[in-house]
């Protein structure tokens, strides 16, 4: 995440993994990028480190694994899971770590929290500076769906349902969802509720603001950073990219 955007309120950090009820597509795609030549890994916006550690398990012993996230609590959780790796609180536009890295990743459309295209350019530039010769940079973001964005409903609704490790059921309620076509930013707020009683729990709301980046925006900023796409998919299953694709999934290298 960028310094221009707040991290998730720290009280949500312990629920972060439980909230992602279908992480398998991301796990399969990103672990599949690890090869015998991957001796160093940088995960930007690593959260609690679940994807980072799954990738690390595919690497040969002794490799360098670094996770960076803006949330101190998430970094604390990641460090508790795997203290043998390096975990840093920091901005994905200016990671507090030097390279080179054989593989750099930004998962879970994290790049879309960069609301200014200048920040996207900074992030890509930081990646290029830290990528080894022949190294790869992979990320996934959503492809803007203008038809859907034009119908976003600001009324409160259940955005996500999940169980914690003790089996307690929660609802995430989204409200005030809006799309600003001028800024190209989808916004809204999330509050956490007990699914059985409907009671709102005493956590600060998550204020969601995500920028919509079109393929031409991505390609332009990659080129300016000296990066080029060697693979592009329409989803994490490796399907071909097209106008109707849900996601933009890139694997890049230095030009």
Protein backbone atom coordinates (compact mmCIF):
# COMPACT_ATOMS: atom_id res chain seq x y z
CA UNK A 1 0.00 0.00 0.00
CA UNK A 2 1.05 3.57 -0.50
CA UNK A 3 1.69 6.13 2.21
CA UNK A 4 -1.13 8.09 0.56
CA UNK A 5 -3.64 5.41 1.54
CA UNK A 6 -4.27 4.17 5.08
CA UNK A 7 -3.64 0.59 6.00
CA UNK A 8 -6.52 -1.57 7.12
CA UNK A 9 -7.51 -0.62 10.69
CA UNK A 10 -5.31 -2.75 12.85
CA UNK A 11 -8.23 -4.48 14.60
CA UNK A 12 -9.08 -6.29 11.36
CA UNK A 13 -5.63 -7.79 10.87
CA UNK A 14 -6.30 -10.98 12.83
CA UNK A 15 -9.34 -11.65 10.60
CA UNK A 16 -7.53 -10.96 7.33
CA UNK A 17 -6.89 -14.59 6.41
CA UNK A 18 -10.35 -15.81 7.38
CA UNK A 19 -11.98 -13.11 5.25
CA UNK A 20 -10.35 -14.42 2.07
CA UNK A 21 -12.52 -17.49 1.72
CA UNK A 22 -11.25 -18.50 -1.73
CA UNK A 23 -7.51 -17.92 -1.86
CA UNK A 24 -6.73 -21.03 -3.91
CA UNK A 25 -6.58 -19.32 -7.36
CA UNK A 26 -3.98 -16.86 -6.06
CA UNK A 27 -2.02 -19.61 -4.32
CA UNK A 28 -1.94 -21.75 -7.45
CA UNK A 29 -0.91 -18.92 -9.76
CA UNK A 30 1.80 -17.35 -7.62
CA UNK A 31 3.37 -20.57 -6.35
CA UNK A 32 3.49 -21.68 -9.98
CA UNK A 33 5.87 -18.79 -10.72
CA UNK A 34 8.57 -20.18 -8.45
CA UNK A 35 11.29 -22.06 -10.33
CA UNK A 36 14.64 -23.61 -9.37
CA UNK A 37 16.20 -20.28 -10.39
CA UNK A 38 14.15 -18.35 -7.83
CA UNK A 39 16.64 -17.65 -5.07
CA UNK A 40 15.10 -14.41 -3.83
CA UNK A 41 11.49 -13.27 -3.46
CA UNK A 42 9.91 -9.89 -2.65
CA UNK A 43 6.19 -9.76 -1.89
CA UNK A 44 4.85 -6.18 -1.86
CA UNK A 45 1.61 -5.73 0.07
CA UNK A 46 2.18 -9.14 1.67
CA UNK A 47 -0.51 -8.83 4.36
CA UNK A 48 -0.08 -11.61 6.90
CA UNK A 49 2.26 -13.51 4.60
CA UNK A 50 0.03 -16.39 3.49
CA UNK A 51 0.95 -16.16 -0.20
CA UNK A 52 4.55 -15.26 0.63
CA UNK A 53 5.03 -18.39 2.71
CA UNK A 54 3.35 -20.66 0.16
CA UNK A 55 5.81 -19.38 -2.43
CA UNK A 56 8.74 -19.67 -0.04
CA UNK A 57 7.92 -23.35 0.47
CA UNK A 58 8.50 -23.91 -3.25
CA UNK A 59 11.98 -22.34 -3.12
CA UNK A 60 15.22 -24.13 -2.43
CA UNK A 61 16.38 -23.84 1.21
CA UNK A 62 18.45 -20.79 2.01
CA UNK A 63 16.74 -18.37 -0.36
CA UNK A 64 15.95 -14.78 0.58
CA UNK A 65 12.26 -14.10 1.29
CA UNK A 66 11.04 -10.57 2.06
CA UNK A 67 7.50 -9.33 2.70
CA UNK A 68 6.53 -5.65 2.85
CA UNK A 69 3.22 -4.23 4.04
CA UNK A 70 1.98 -0.92 5.44
CA UNK A 71 0.16 -2.60 8.35
CA UNK A 72 2.39 -3.13 11.42
CA UNK A 73 -0.06 -5.67 12.85
CA UNK A 74 -0.10 -7.77 9.68
CA UNK A 75 3.68 -7.71 9.55
CA UNK A 76 3.72 -8.79 13.20
CA UNK A 77 1.48 -11.76 12.37
CA UNK A 78 3.65 -12.72 9.39
CA UNK A 79 6.83 -12.48 11.46
CA UNK A 80 5.27 -14.69 14.13
CA UNK A 81 4.53 -17.33 11.51
CA UNK A 82 7.98 -17.35 9.95
CA UNK A 83 10.64 -15.38 11.84
CA UNK A 84 13.32 -16.86 9.60
CA UNK A 85 12.18 -14.58 6.78
CA UNK A 86 12.40 -10.81 6.59
CA UNK A 87 9.24 -8.77 7.19
CA UNK A 88 9.20 -4.99 6.83
CA UNK A 89 6.61 -2.28 7.42
CA UNK A 90 6.74 -0.04 4.39
CA UNK A 91 5.28 1.56 1.30
CA UNK A 92 5.08 -0.55 -1.86
CA UNK A 93 6.10 2.55 -3.84
CA UNK A 94 9.36 2.79 -1.90
CA UNK A 95 10.08 -0.61 -0.36
CA UNK A 96 12.56 -0.44 2.55
CA UNK A 97 14.74 -3.16 1.06
CA UNK A 98 17.37 -3.36 -1.66
CA UNK A 99 17.52 -5.92 -4.44
CA UNK A 100 18.13 -7.66 -6.59
CA UNK A 101 15.24 -10.13 -6.43
CA UNK A 102 14.53 -12.96 -8.84
CA UNK A 103 10.78 -12.68 -8.30
CA UNK A 104 8.69 -9.69 -7.19
CA UNK A 105 4.92 -10.01 -6.74
CA UNK A 106 1.96 -7.78 -5.84
CA UNK A 107 -1.08 -9.96 -5.20
CA UNK A 108 -4.80 -9.39 -4.60
CA UNK A 109 -5.20 -6.25 -6.78
CA UNK A 110 -3.20 -4.32 -4.17
CA UNK A 111 -1.91 -1.98 -6.89
CA UNK A 112 -5.41 -0.54 -7.14
CA UNK A 113 -5.06 1.16 -3.75
CA UNK A 114 -2.64 3.49 -5.55
CA UNK A 115 -5.14 6.22 -6.41
CA UNK A 116 -2.74 8.42 -8.36
CA UNK A 117 -1.13 7.14 -11.53
CA UNK A 118 2.10 8.78 -10.39
CA UNK A 119 2.15 6.32 -7.48
CA UNK A 120 1.67 3.40 -9.87
CA UNK A 121 4.65 4.70 -11.86
CA UNK A 122 6.70 4.98 -8.66
CA UNK A 123 5.84 1.41 -7.69
CA UNK A 124 6.77 0.02 -11.10
CA UNK A 125 9.99 2.03 -11.02
CA UNK A 126 10.85 0.66 -7.57
CA UNK A 127 10.25 -2.87 -8.81
CA UNK A 128 12.45 -2.34 -11.88
CA UNK A 129 15.27 -1.08 -9.65
CA UNK A 130 15.07 -4.19 -7.46
CA UNK A 131 14.59 -6.85 -10.14
CA UNK A 132 17.54 -9.05 -11.00
CA UNK A 133 18.66 -9.56 -14.58
CA UNK A 134 16.20 -12.07 -15.96
CA UNK A 135 13.98 -11.68 -12.90
CA UNK A 136 10.19 -11.59 -13.11
CA UNK A 137 7.52 -9.26 -11.75
CA UNK A 138 3.94 -10.54 -11.44
CA UNK A 139 0.72 -8.88 -10.33
CA UNK A 140 -3.05 -9.08 -10.72
CA UNK A 141 -5.64 -6.30 -10.82
CA UNK A 142 -9.25 -6.15 -11.92
CA UNK A 143 -10.12 -5.04 -15.42
CA UNK A 144 -12.53 -2.08 -15.15
CA UNK A 145 -16.11 -3.19 -15.77
CA UNK A 146 -17.80 0.09 -16.64
CA UNK A 147 -21.24 -1.46 -17.02
CA UNK A 148 -21.08 -2.83 -13.48
CA UNK A 149 -19.45 0.27 -12.02
CA UNK A 150 -22.29 2.42 -13.36
CA UNK A 151 -24.80 0.41 -11.32
CA UNK A 152 -22.98 0.32 -7.96
CA UNK A 153 -25.56 0.46 -5.17
CA UNK A 154 -24.77 2.64 -2.12
CA UNK A 155 -27.37 0.84 0.03
CA UNK A 156 -25.96 -1.37 2.83
CA UNK A 157 -25.48 -4.98 1.76
CA UNK A 158 -23.49 -8.07 2.76
CA UNK A 159 -20.18 -7.92 0.91
CA UNK A 160 -18.62 -11.00 2.48
CA UNK A 161 -19.46 -13.81 4.90
CA UNK A 162 -16.86 -15.87 6.72
CA UNK A 163 -16.01 -17.89 9.83
CA UNK A 164 -13.09 -17.26 12.14
CA UNK A 165 -10.90 -20.10 13.45
CA UNK A 166 -13.32 -20.66 16.33
CA UNK A 167 -16.28 -21.06 14.00
CA UNK A 168 -17.90 -17.72 14.79
CA UNK A 169 -19.79 -16.36 11.78
CA UNK A 170 -19.31 -12.80 10.57
CA UNK A 171 -20.86 -10.54 7.96
CA UNK A 172 -18.98 -7.69 6.34
CA UNK A 173 -21.49 -4.97 5.50
CA UNK A 174 -20.61 -2.56 2.73
CA UNK A 175 -22.30 0.84 2.55
CA UNK A 176 -21.96 4.08 0.60
CA UNK A 177 -20.43 2.31 -2.41
CA UNK A 178 -19.87 4.82 -5.21
CA UNK A 179 -17.91 5.09 -8.42
CA UNK A 180 -16.39 8.45 -9.34
CA UNK A 181 -15.94 8.25 -13.10
CA UNK A 182 -13.80 11.39 -13.13
CA UNK A 183 -11.29 10.08 -10.61
CA UNK A 184 -11.93 6.47 -11.70
CA UNK A 185 -12.15 5.47 -8.04
CA UNK A 186 -14.57 2.97 -6.53
CA UNK A 187 -15.15 3.72 -2.85
CA UNK A 188 -17.18 2.40 0.05
CA UNK A 189 -16.85 1.41 3.70
CA UNK A 190 -16.94 -1.97 5.42
CA UNK A 191 -18.16 -2.69 8.94
CA UNK A 192 -17.98 -6.03 10.74
CA UNK A 193 -21.09 -7.65 12.22
CA UNK A 194 -21.94 -10.79 14.14
CA UNK A 195 -23.81 -12.89 11.57
CA UNK A 196 -26.11 -14.37 14.18
CA UNK A 197 -27.23 -11.21 15.98
CA UNK A 198 -26.47 -8.55 13.39
CA UNK A 199 -24.59 -6.60 16.05
CA UNK A 200 -21.86 -4.34 14.68
CA UNK A 201 -18.52 -5.06 16.29
CA UNK A 202 -16.43 -2.21 17.74
CA UNK A 203 -13.84 -2.00 14.96
CA UNK A 204 -13.08 1.06 12.92
CA UNK A 205 -14.60 0.74 9.43
CA UNK A 206 -12.39 -0.19 6.51
CA UNK A 207 -12.59 2.64 4.01
CA UNK A 208 -12.15 1.08 0.58
CA UNK A 209 -10.87 3.24 -2.28
CA UNK A 210 -9.61 1.45 -5.38
CA UNK A 211 -8.48 3.01 -8.65
CA UNK A 212 -9.60 1.50 -11.95
CA UNK A 213 -6.61 1.00 -14.26
CA UNK A 214 -7.23 0.21 -17.91
CA UNK A 215 -4.83 -1.96 -19.93
CA UNK A 216 -3.38 1.07 -21.69
CA UNK A 217 -2.58 2.65 -18.30
CA UNK A 218 -0.78 -0.46 -17.17
CA UNK A 219 1.17 -0.90 -20.41
CA UNK A 220 2.24 2.76 -20.48
CA UNK A 221 3.54 2.74 -16.93
CA UNK A 222 5.32 -0.58 -17.35
CA UNK A 223 7.12 0.75 -20.43
CA UNK A 224 8.10 3.97 -18.65
CA UNK A 225 9.61 1.91 -15.85
CA UNK A 226 11.62 -0.20 -18.29
CA UNK A 227 9.45 -3.28 -17.80
CA UNK A 228 7.72 -5.37 -20.43
CA UNK A 229 4.99 -7.97 -20.21
CA UNK A 230 6.04 -11.46 -21.27
CA UNK A 231 2.72 -13.04 -20.23
CA UNK A 232 -0.73 -11.54 -19.82
CA UNK A 233 -3.86 -13.40 -18.77
CA UNK A 234 -7.52 -12.64 -18.23
CA UNK A 235 -7.62 -14.44 -14.90
CA UNK A 236 -5.46 -16.40 -12.49
CA UNK A 237 -6.29 -19.67 -14.25
CA UNK A 238 -4.15 -18.59 -17.22
CA UNK A 239 -7.10 -17.91 -19.53
CA UNK A 240 -6.53 -15.59 -22.47
CA UNK A 241 -6.97 -11.87 -21.90
CA UNK A 242 -9.81 -10.14 -23.72
CA UNK A 243 -12.30 -7.27 -23.40
CA UNK A 244 -14.55 -9.34 -21.17
CA UNK A 245 -11.84 -10.66 -18.86
CA UNK A 246 -12.38 -10.24 -15.13
CA UNK A 247 -8.75 -9.56 -14.33
CA UNK A 248 -5.51 -8.29 -15.79
CA UNK A 249 -2.74 -10.68 -14.77
CA UNK A 250 0.80 -9.81 -15.79
CA UNK A 251 4.19 -11.46 -15.68
CA UNK A 252 6.91 -8.97 -16.63
CA UNK A 253 10.65 -8.67 -16.95
CA UNK A 254 13.08 -5.85 -17.59
CA UNK A 255 13.13 -4.50 -21.16
